[in-house]
Amino acid sequence: AAQAEKIAGLVAEVAALEAAKAALSTDAEATGEKLDESARELAESREQVAALEGDVTSLREAEAEHKDALAAAEAAAGEHAAELDALQTESAAQAEKIAGLVAEVAALEAAKAALSTDAEAT
């Protein structure tokens, strides 16, 4: 009878150990699945980070290109401003020249009129 109790106790202990083993196995599977899911999420996050780094690189390259284009446009604007200044200076010089010629023509016409008057008087 004592041995039967001992055997029953051992059987119960083995059953309890087997139940604990099954529970641990289930927990291990759930933990493994969670680890797999976390690994997938980490891989997706890394892909997103890589894509964002590529976007940042592209944006920096575009910014550099735009800065170069802006510098070129500013240089061209400076050249055009210098050309405009030169044209304005030339235009002012030509206006002075024209005014001189107009005055010269007026003087010649006055002289012609004076000569014409002298010729009539003679």
N, C-alpha and C. Protein backbone atom coordinates (compact mmCIF):
# COMPACT_ATOMS: atom_id res chain seq x y z
N ALA A 1 0.82 -1.19 0.00
CA ALA A 1 0.00 0.00 0.00
C ALA A 1 0.87 1.25 0.00
N ALA A 2 1.95 1.24 0.79
CA ALA A 2 2.84 2.39 0.85
C ALA A 2 3.51 2.59 -0.50
N GLN A 3 3.88 1.46 -1.09
CA GLN A 3 4.54 1.57 -2.39
C GLN A 3 3.56 2.03 -3.46
N ALA A 4 2.31 1.63 -3.34
CA ALA A 4 1.29 2.05 -4.30
C ALA A 4 1.11 3.56 -4.20
N GLU A 5 1.14 4.08 -2.94
CA GLU A 5 1.02 5.54 -2.75
C GLU A 5 2.23 6.24 -3.34
N LYS A 6 3.41 5.63 -3.10
CA LYS A 6 4.64 6.21 -3.62
C LYS A 6 4.61 6.24 -5.15
N ILE A 7 4.14 5.14 -5.72
CA ILE A 7 4.06 5.04 -7.19
C ILE A 7 3.04 6.06 -7.70
N ALA A 8 1.91 6.18 -7.02
CA ALA A 8 0.88 7.14 -7.44
C ALA A 8 1.43 8.55 -7.36
N GLY A 9 2.22 8.83 -6.29
CA GLY A 9 2.84 10.15 -6.14
C GLY A 9 3.83 10.43 -7.26
N LEU A 10 4.63 9.41 -7.59
CA LEU A 10 5.59 9.58 -8.67
C LEU A 10 4.89 9.76 -10.02
N VAL A 11 3.80 9.02 -10.21
CA VAL A 11 3.03 9.15 -11.46
C VAL A 11 2.46 10.56 -11.56
N ALA A 12 1.94 11.05 -10.41
CA ALA A 12 1.38 12.40 -10.39
C ALA A 12 2.49 13.42 -10.65
N GLU A 13 3.66 13.19 -10.06
CA GLU A 13 4.80 14.10 -10.25
C GLU A 13 5.25 14.11 -11.71
N VAL A 14 5.29 12.89 -12.32
CA VAL A 14 5.67 12.80 -13.73
C VAL A 14 4.63 13.52 -14.58
N ALA A 15 3.35 13.35 -14.27
CA ALA A 15 2.29 14.03 -15.02
C ALA A 15 2.43 15.55 -14.88
N ALA A 16 2.74 16.00 -13.66
CA ALA A 16 2.92 17.44 -13.43
C ALA A 16 4.13 17.94 -14.22
N LEU A 17 5.23 17.16 -14.21
CA LEU A 17 6.41 17.56 -14.95
C LEU A 17 6.14 17.60 -16.46
N GLU A 18 5.37 16.62 -16.94
CA GLU A 18 5.03 16.60 -18.35
C GLU A 18 4.14 17.79 -18.72
N ALA A 19 3.23 18.15 -17.82
CA ALA A 19 2.37 19.32 -18.06
C ALA A 19 3.21 20.59 -18.08
N ALA A 20 4.18 20.67 -17.14
CA ALA A 20 5.06 21.83 -17.10
C ALA A 20 5.91 21.90 -18.37
N LYS A 21 6.37 20.70 -18.82
CA LYS A 21 7.17 20.63 -20.04
C LYS A 21 6.35 21.11 -21.24
N ALA A 22 5.10 20.68 -21.32
CA ALA A 22 4.22 21.09 -22.42
C ALA A 22 3.99 22.60 -22.38
N ALA A 23 3.78 23.14 -21.15
CA ALA A 23 3.57 24.58 -21.02
C ALA A 23 4.82 25.34 -21.45
N LEU A 24 6.00 24.86 -21.03
CA LEU A 24 7.25 25.50 -21.42
C LEU A 24 7.46 25.42 -22.93
N SER A 25 7.10 24.28 -23.51
CA SER A 25 7.23 24.11 -24.95
C SER A 25 6.33 25.12 -25.68
N THR A 26 5.10 25.29 -25.19
CA THR A 26 4.16 26.24 -25.79
C THR A 26 4.70 27.66 -25.65
N ASP A 27 5.24 27.98 -24.44
CA ASP A 27 5.84 29.30 -24.22
C ASP A 27 7.03 29.53 -25.14
N ALA A 28 7.85 28.50 -25.31
CA ALA A 28 9.02 28.62 -26.17
C ALA A 28 8.60 28.87 -27.62
N GLU A 29 7.54 28.16 -28.07
CA GLU A 29 7.06 28.38 -29.43
C GLU A 29 6.53 29.80 -29.60
N ALA A 30 5.77 30.28 -28.60
CA ALA A 30 5.23 31.64 -28.67
C ALA A 30 6.36 32.67 -28.67
N THR A 31 7.37 32.42 -27.84
CA THR A 31 8.52 33.33 -27.79
C THR A 31 9.28 33.31 -29.11
N GLY A 32 9.43 32.12 -29.70
CA GLY A 32 10.09 31.99 -31.00
C GLY A 32 9.33 32.76 -32.07
N GLU A 33 7.99 32.65 -32.04
CA GLU A 33 7.18 33.37 -33.02
C GLU A 33 7.32 34.87 -32.84
N LYS A 34 7.35 35.30 -31.56
CA LYS A 34 7.52 36.73 -31.30
C LYS A 34 8.89 37.21 -31.77
N LEU A 35 9.90 36.39 -31.56
CA LEU A 35 11.25 36.74 -32.02
C LEU A 35 11.29 36.83 -33.54
N ASP A 36 10.62 35.88 -34.22
CA ASP A 36 10.58 35.91 -35.68
C ASP A 36 9.88 37.19 -36.17
N GLU A 37 8.77 37.52 -35.53
CA GLU A 37 8.02 38.72 -35.91
C GLU A 37 8.88 39.98 -35.66
N SER A 38 9.56 40.01 -34.53
CA SER A 38 10.43 41.15 -34.22
C SER A 38 11.56 41.25 -35.23
N ALA A 39 12.11 40.11 -35.65
CA ALA A 39 13.18 40.12 -36.65
C ALA A 39 12.67 40.64 -37.99
N ARG A 40 11.44 40.25 -38.36
CA ARG A 40 10.85 40.76 -39.61
C ARG A 40 10.63 42.27 -39.52
N GLU A 41 10.11 42.73 -38.39
CA GLU A 41 9.87 44.16 -38.21
C GLU A 41 11.19 44.94 -38.24
N LEU A 42 12.23 44.37 -37.64
CA LEU A 42 13.54 45.01 -37.64
C LEU A 42 14.09 45.10 -39.06
N ALA A 43 13.93 44.02 -39.83
CA ALA A 43 14.40 44.03 -41.22
C ALA A 43 13.64 45.08 -42.04
N GLU A 44 12.32 45.18 -41.83
CA GLU A 44 11.52 46.20 -42.53
C GLU A 44 11.97 47.60 -42.13
N SER A 45 12.23 47.79 -40.84
CA SER A 45 12.69 49.10 -40.36
C SER A 45 14.03 49.46 -40.98
N ARG A 46 14.91 48.48 -41.09
CA ARG A 46 16.22 48.74 -41.70
C ARG A 46 16.06 49.12 -43.18
N GLU A 47 15.14 48.44 -43.87
CA GLU A 47 14.88 48.78 -45.27
C GLU A 47 14.35 50.21 -45.39
N GLN A 48 13.44 50.57 -44.47
CA GLN A 48 12.89 51.93 -44.49
C GLN A 48 13.98 52.96 -44.21
N VAL A 49 14.85 52.65 -43.26
CA VAL A 49 15.95 53.57 -42.95
C VAL A 49 16.86 53.72 -44.17
N ALA A 50 17.16 52.61 -44.83
CA ALA A 50 18.01 52.67 -46.03
C ALA A 50 17.34 53.52 -47.12
N ALA A 51 16.04 53.33 -47.30
CA ALA A 51 15.31 54.12 -48.30
C ALA A 51 15.34 55.60 -47.94
N LEU A 52 15.14 55.91 -46.66
CA LEU A 52 15.16 57.31 -46.22
C LEU A 52 16.56 57.91 -46.40
N GLU A 53 17.59 57.12 -46.12
CA GLU A 53 18.96 57.61 -46.33
C GLU A 53 19.19 57.91 -47.81
N GLY A 54 18.64 57.05 -48.68
CA GLY A 54 18.74 57.31 -50.12
C GLY A 54 18.02 58.60 -50.51
N ASP A 55 16.83 58.80 -49.91
CA ASP A 55 16.08 60.03 -50.18
C ASP A 55 16.87 61.25 -49.73
N VAL A 56 17.46 61.17 -48.55
CA VAL A 56 18.25 62.29 -48.02
C VAL A 56 19.43 62.58 -48.95
N THR A 57 20.09 61.53 -49.41
CA THR A 57 21.22 61.72 -50.32
C THR A 57 20.75 62.40 -51.61
N SER A 58 19.63 61.94 -52.15
CA SER A 58 19.09 62.54 -53.38
C SER A 58 18.75 64.01 -53.16
N LEU A 59 18.14 64.31 -52.01
CA LEU A 59 17.78 65.69 -51.71
C LEU A 59 19.02 66.56 -51.57
N ARG A 60 20.05 66.03 -50.95
CA ARG A 60 21.29 66.80 -50.80
C ARG A 60 21.94 67.06 -52.17
N GLU A 61 21.90 66.05 -53.04
CA GLU A 61 22.45 66.23 -54.39
C GLU A 61 21.65 67.28 -55.15
N ALA A 62 20.32 67.22 -55.04
CA ALA A 62 19.47 68.20 -55.72
C ALA A 62 19.73 69.60 -55.16
N GLU A 63 19.91 69.69 -53.85
CA GLU A 63 20.20 70.99 -53.23
C GLU A 63 21.52 71.55 -53.77
N ALA A 64 22.53 70.69 -53.88
CA ALA A 64 23.83 71.14 -54.40
C ALA A 64 23.68 71.62 -55.85
N GLU A 65 22.91 70.88 -56.65
CA GLU A 65 22.69 71.28 -58.04
C GLU A 65 21.97 72.63 -58.11
N HIS A 66 20.98 72.82 -57.23
CA HIS A 66 20.23 74.08 -57.23
C HIS A 66 21.12 75.24 -56.78
N LYS A 67 22.00 74.96 -55.81
CA LYS A 67 22.93 76.01 -55.38
C LYS A 67 23.86 76.39 -56.53
N ASP A 68 24.34 75.39 -57.27
CA ASP A 68 25.21 75.66 -58.43
C ASP A 68 24.46 76.47 -59.47
N ALA A 69 23.21 76.09 -59.74
CA ALA A 69 22.41 76.81 -60.73
C ALA A 69 22.15 78.25 -60.26
N LEU A 70 21.90 78.42 -58.97
CA LEU A 70 21.68 79.76 -58.43
C LEU A 70 22.94 80.61 -58.55
N ALA A 71 24.08 80.01 -58.24
CA ALA A 71 25.35 80.74 -58.36
C ALA A 71 25.59 81.14 -59.81
N ALA A 72 25.29 80.25 -60.75
CA ALA A 72 25.46 80.56 -62.17
C ALA A 72 24.51 81.68 -62.59
N ALA A 73 23.27 81.63 -62.10
CA ALA A 73 22.29 82.67 -62.43
C ALA A 73 22.72 84.01 -61.86
N GLU A 74 23.25 84.00 -60.63
CA GLU A 74 23.72 85.24 -60.02
C GLU A 74 24.92 85.80 -60.81
N ALA A 75 25.81 84.92 -61.25
CA ALA A 75 26.96 85.37 -62.04
C ALA A 75 26.48 85.97 -63.36
N ALA A 76 25.52 85.31 -63.99
CA ALA A 76 24.98 85.82 -65.25
C ALA A 76 24.29 87.17 -65.03
N ALA A 77 23.57 87.30 -63.92
CA ALA A 77 22.91 88.57 -63.61
C ALA A 77 23.95 89.67 -63.42
N GLY A 78 25.06 89.33 -62.77
CA GLY A 78 26.14 90.30 -62.60
C GLY A 78 26.72 90.73 -63.94
N GLU A 79 26.91 89.75 -64.83
CA GLU A 79 27.43 90.07 -66.16
C GLU A 79 26.46 90.95 -66.94
N HIS A 80 25.16 90.64 -66.84
CA HIS A 80 24.15 91.45 -67.53
C HIS A 80 24.10 92.86 -66.97
N ALA A 81 24.25 92.98 -65.65
CA ALA A 81 24.25 94.30 -65.04
C ALA A 81 25.44 95.10 -65.53
N ALA A 82 26.61 94.45 -65.65
CA ALA A 82 27.80 95.14 -66.17
C ALA A 82 27.59 95.56 -67.62
N GLU A 83 26.99 94.65 -68.42
CA GLU A 83 26.71 94.99 -69.82
C GLU A 83 25.73 96.16 -69.91
N LEU A 84 24.72 96.16 -69.05
CA LEU A 84 23.73 97.24 -69.04
C LEU A 84 24.40 98.56 -68.68
N ASP A 85 25.28 98.53 -67.67
CA ASP A 85 26.01 99.75 -67.29
C ASP A 85 26.83 100.27 -68.47
N ALA A 86 27.51 99.35 -69.17
CA ALA A 86 28.33 99.75 -70.32
C ALA A 86 27.45 100.35 -71.41
N LEU A 87 26.29 99.74 -71.66
CA LEU A 87 25.38 100.26 -72.69
C LEU A 87 24.84 101.64 -72.29
N GLN A 88 24.55 101.81 -71.01
CA GLN A 88 24.04 103.11 -70.56
C GLN A 88 25.12 104.19 -70.70
N THR A 89 26.36 103.82 -70.38
CA THR A 89 27.47 104.76 -70.53
C THR A 89 27.65 105.13 -72.00
N GLU A 90 27.60 104.11 -72.87
CA GLU A 90 27.74 104.34 -74.32
C GLU A 90 26.58 105.19 -74.83
N SER A 91 25.38 104.91 -74.33
CA SER A 91 24.21 105.67 -74.76
C SER A 91 24.34 107.14 -74.33
N ALA A 92 24.82 107.38 -73.13
CA ALA A 92 25.00 108.76 -72.66
C ALA A 92 26.05 109.47 -73.53
N ALA A 93 27.12 108.75 -73.87
CA ALA A 93 28.16 109.35 -74.72
C ALA A 93 27.59 109.69 -76.10
N GLN A 94 26.77 108.80 -76.65
CA GLN A 94 26.17 109.05 -77.96
C GLN A 94 25.18 110.22 -77.88
N ALA A 95 24.45 110.32 -76.77
CA ALA A 95 23.51 111.43 -76.61
C ALA A 95 24.28 112.76 -76.60
N GLU A 96 25.44 112.78 -75.92
CA GLU A 96 26.27 113.99 -75.90
C GLU A 96 26.77 114.32 -77.30
N LYS A 97 27.18 113.28 -78.02
CA LYS A 97 27.68 113.46 -79.38
C LYS A 97 26.58 114.03 -80.27
N ILE A 98 25.37 113.47 -80.14
CA ILE A 98 24.23 113.95 -80.94
C ILE A 98 23.92 115.40 -80.60
N ALA A 99 23.95 115.72 -79.30
CA ALA A 99 23.68 117.10 -78.90
C ALA A 99 24.73 118.04 -79.50
N GLY A 100 25.99 117.58 -79.50
CA GLY A 100 27.05 118.39 -80.12
C GLY A 100 26.82 118.59 -81.60
N LEU A 101 26.41 117.51 -82.28
CA LEU A 101 26.15 117.61 -83.73
C LEU A 101 24.95 118.52 -84.01
N VAL A 102 23.93 118.43 -83.17
CA VAL A 102 22.75 119.29 -83.35
C VAL A 102 23.17 120.75 -83.18
N ALA A 103 24.00 121.01 -82.16
CA ALA A 103 24.48 122.38 -81.95
C ALA A 103 25.32 122.84 -83.13
N GLU A 104 26.14 121.94 -83.67
CA GLU A 104 26.98 122.26 -84.82
C GLU A 104 26.13 122.57 -86.04
N VAL A 105 25.09 121.74 -86.25
CA VAL A 105 24.18 121.97 -87.38
C VAL A 105 23.48 123.32 -87.20
N ALA A 106 23.07 123.63 -85.98
CA ALA A 106 22.40 124.91 -85.73
C ALA A 106 23.36 126.07 -86.02
N ALA A 107 24.62 125.92 -85.61
CA ALA A 107 25.60 126.96 -85.87
C ALA A 107 25.83 127.12 -87.36
N LEU A 108 25.91 126.01 -88.08
CA LEU A 108 26.09 126.05 -89.53
C LEU A 108 24.90 126.70 -90.22
N GLU A 109 23.69 126.39 -89.74
CA GLU A 109 22.50 127.00 -90.34
C GLU A 109 22.47 128.50 -90.05
N ALA A 110 22.93 128.88 -88.83
CA ALA A 110 22.99 130.32 -88.50
C ALA A 110 24.01 131.02 -89.40
N ALA A 111 25.15 130.34 -89.61
CA ALA A 111 26.18 130.91 -90.49
C ALA A 111 25.66 131.01 -91.91
N LYS A 112 24.94 129.99 -92.35
CA LYS A 112 24.36 129.99 -93.71
C LYS A 112 23.39 131.15 -93.86
N ALA A 113 22.57 131.33 -92.82
CA ALA A 113 21.59 132.41 -92.86
C ALA A 113 22.30 133.76 -92.90
N ALA A 114 23.40 133.86 -92.10
CA ALA A 114 24.16 135.11 -92.09
C ALA A 114 24.79 135.36 -93.45
N LEU A 115 25.34 134.32 -94.06
CA LEU A 115 25.95 134.46 -95.38
C LEU A 115 24.90 134.83 -96.43
N SER A 116 23.73 134.23 -96.28
CA SER A 116 22.65 134.49 -97.21
C SER A 116 22.22 135.96 -97.09
N THR A 117 22.18 136.46 -95.88
CA THR A 117 21.80 137.86 -95.65
C THR A 117 22.89 138.78 -96.22
N ASP A 118 24.18 138.42 -96.01
CA ASP A 118 25.28 139.20 -96.55
C ASP A 118 25.23 139.18 -98.08
N ALA A 119 24.91 138.04 -98.64
CA ALA A 119 24.87 137.93 -100.10
C ALA A 119 23.75 138.80 -100.66
N GLU A 120 22.64 138.86 -99.99
CA GLU A 120 21.53 139.69 -100.45
C GLU A 120 21.90 141.16 -100.33
N ALA A 121 22.61 141.46 -99.24
CA ALA A 121 23.00 142.87 -99.03
C ALA A 121 24.03 143.29 -100.06
N THR A 122 24.86 142.37 -100.51
CA THR A 122 25.91 142.70 -101.47
C THR A 122 25.26 142.78 -102.82
